C-alpha atoms as a PDB file:
ATOM      1  CA  MET A   1       0.000   0.000   0.000  1.00  0.00           C
ATOM      2  CA  ALA A   2       1.340   3.413  -0.956  1.00  0.00           C
ATOM      3  CA  LYS A   3       2.125   5.957   1.720  1.00  0.00           C
ATOM      4  CA  ARG A   4      -0.464   8.648   2.151  1.00  0.00           C
ATOM      5  CA  LYS A   5       0.917  12.171   1.832  1.00  0.00           C
ATOM      6  CA  THR A   6      -0.569  15.270   3.393  1.00  0.00           C
ATOM      7  CA  ILE A   7       0.548  18.863   3.687  1.00  0.00           C
ATOM      8  CA  SER A   8      -0.026  21.293   6.514  1.00  0.00           C
ATOM      9  CA  VAL A   9      -2.466  24.178   6.410  1.00  0.00           C
ATOM     10  CA  THR A  10       0.513  26.522   6.681  1.00  0.00           C
ATOM     11  CA  GLU A  11       2.111  24.998   3.582  1.00  0.00           C
ATOM     12  CA  MET A  12      -1.170  25.351   1.677  1.00  0.00           C
ATOM     13  CA  VAL A  13      -1.566  29.004   2.693  1.00  0.00           C
ATOM     14  CA  ASP A  14       2.044  29.745   1.726  1.00  0.00           C
ATOM     15  CA  TYR A  15       1.481  28.179  -1.695  1.00  0.00           C
ATOM     16  CA  ALA A  16      -1.788  30.082  -2.175  1.00  0.00           C
ATOM     17  CA  ASN A  17      -0.108  33.361  -1.230  1.00  0.00           C
ATOM     18  CA  LEU A  18       2.624  32.704  -3.774  1.00  0.00           C
ATOM     19  CA  GLN A  19       0.005  32.152  -6.482  1.00  0.00           C
ATOM     20  CA  LEU A  20      -2.003  35.224  -5.475  1.00  0.00           C
ATOM     21  CA  SER A  21       1.085  37.447  -5.707  1.00  0.00           C
ATOM     22  CA  ARG A  22       1.916  36.362  -9.269  1.00  0.00           C
ATOM     23  CA  THR A  23       1.849  38.977 -12.025  1.00  0.00           C
ATOM     24  CA  ASP A  24       2.548  36.853 -15.123  1.00  0.00           C
ATOM     25  CA  ASP A  25       0.085  36.474 -18.010  1.00  0.00           C
ATOM     26  CA  PHE A  26      -1.210  33.113 -16.747  1.00  0.00           C
ATOM     27  CA  ALA A  27      -2.189  34.476 -13.325  1.00  0.00           C
ATOM     28  CA  THR A  28      -5.546  35.804 -14.478  1.00  0.00           C
ATOM     29  CA  LYS A  29      -8.287  37.201 -12.290  1.00  0.00           C
ATOM     30  CA  GLU A  30     -10.226  33.947 -12.731  1.00  0.00           C
ATOM     31  CA  PHE A  31      -7.168  31.878 -11.754  1.00  0.00           C
ATOM     32  CA  LYS A  32      -6.730  33.914  -8.575  1.00  0.00           C
ATOM     33  CA  GLN A  33     -10.445  33.658  -7.759  1.00  0.00           C
ATOM     34  CA  GLY A  34     -10.066  29.869  -7.821  1.00  0.00           C
ATOM     35  CA  ILE A  35      -7.094  30.047  -5.460  1.00  0.00           C
ATOM     36  CA  ILE A  36      -9.119  32.270  -3.106  1.00  0.00           C
ATOM     37  CA  VAL A  37     -12.039  29.819  -3.013  1.00  0.00           C
ATOM     38  CA  MET A  38      -9.655  26.941  -2.272  1.00  0.00           C
ATOM     39  CA  VAL A  39      -7.580  28.623   0.444  1.00  0.00           C
ATOM     40  CA  GLU A  40     -10.615  30.078   2.214  1.00  0.00           C
ATOM     41  CA  ALA A  41     -12.263  26.634   2.290  1.00  0.00           C
ATOM     42  CA  VAL A  42      -9.106  25.081   3.764  1.00  0.00           C
ATOM     43  CA  LEU A  43      -8.789  27.826   6.378  1.00  0.00           C
ATOM     44  CA  HIS A  44     -12.459  27.810   7.412  1.00  0.00           C
ATOM     45  CA  ARG A  45     -12.798  24.018   7.506  1.00  0.00           C
ATOM     46  CA  SER A  46      -9.674  23.690   9.635  1.00  0.00           C
ATOM     47  CA  ASP A  47     -10.772  26.575  11.917  1.00  0.00           C
ATOM     48  CA  ASN A  48      -7.674  28.586  10.974  1.00  0.00           C
ATOM     49  CA  TYR A  49      -9.107  31.617   9.148  1.00  0.00           C
ATOM     50  CA  ASN A  50      -7.329  34.769  10.329  1.00  0.00           C
ATOM     51  CA  GLY A  51      -8.142  37.168   7.518  1.00  0.00           C
ATOM     52  CA  PHE A  52      -6.177  38.601   4.631  1.00  0.00           C
ATOM     53  CA  ARG A  53      -4.678  41.848   3.380  1.00  0.00           C
ATOM     54  CA  PHE A  54      -4.648  43.317  -0.102  1.00  0.00           C
ATOM     55  CA  LEU A  55      -1.221  43.501  -1.711  1.00  0.00           C
ATOM     56  CA  ASP A  56      -1.914  47.071  -2.848  1.00  0.00           C
ATOM     57  CA  ASN A  57      -4.387  49.061  -0.747  1.00  0.00           C
ATOM     58  CA  SER A  58      -4.794  51.608  -3.537  1.00  0.00           C
ATOM     59  CA  ASP A  59      -6.160  48.903  -5.881  1.00  0.00           C
ATOM     60  CA  ILE A  60      -8.982  47.070  -4.098  1.00  0.00           C
ATOM     61  CA  GLU A  61     -12.009  47.733  -6.286  1.00  0.00           C
ATOM     62  CA  TYR A  62     -14.301  44.690  -6.431  1.00  0.00           C
ATOM     63  CA  ASP A  63     -13.849  42.352  -9.406  1.00  0.00           C
ATOM     64  CA  THR A  64     -10.414  43.668 -10.387  1.00  0.00           C
ATOM     65  CA  MET A  65      -6.925  42.156 -10.329  1.00  0.00           C
ATOM     66  CA  GLY A  66      -6.140  44.270  -7.280  1.00  0.00           C
ATOM     67  CA  TYR A  67      -9.093  42.767  -5.437  1.00  0.00           C
ATOM     68  CA  VAL A  68      -7.867  39.207  -6.002  1.00  0.00           C
ATOM     69  CA  SER A  69      -4.190  40.012  -5.352  1.00  0.00           C
ATOM     70  CA  ARG A  70      -3.991  39.388  -1.634  1.00  0.00           C
ATOM     71  CA  HIS A  71      -2.119  37.675   1.178  1.00  0.00           C
ATOM     72  CA  TYR A  72      -3.833  35.339   3.641  1.00  0.00           C
ATOM     73  CA  TYR A  73      -2.669  35.070   7.212  1.00  0.00           C
ATOM     74  CA  GLY A  74      -1.804  31.539   8.235  1.00  0.00           C
ATOM     75  CA  PRO A  75      -2.882  29.594  11.295  1.00  0.00           C
ATOM     76  CA  ARG A  76      -2.162  30.999  14.706  1.00  0.00           C
ATOM     77  CA  PHE A  77      -0.677  28.790  17.324  1.00  0.00           C
ATOM     78  CA  LYS A  78      -3.284  27.706  19.850  1.00  0.00           C
ATOM     79  CA  ILE A  79      -2.325  28.415  23.461  1.00  0.00           C
END
């Protein structure tokens, strides 16, 4: 039987943040919207949602590239 591999929520958030910061031609608004849906589901389902920030506060109009270019905060350590 093959080993089962998993990644941590932190690794997933780091990967999502990398994708959301991309500026190349393949990182479209629709691509980033998909990343947002995925990372928010992971964070909410694992009870680790701690918000996000826009990468450029002067470009946050809804349904624009600026709106989907963001950085999610990873899990906080539980005390």
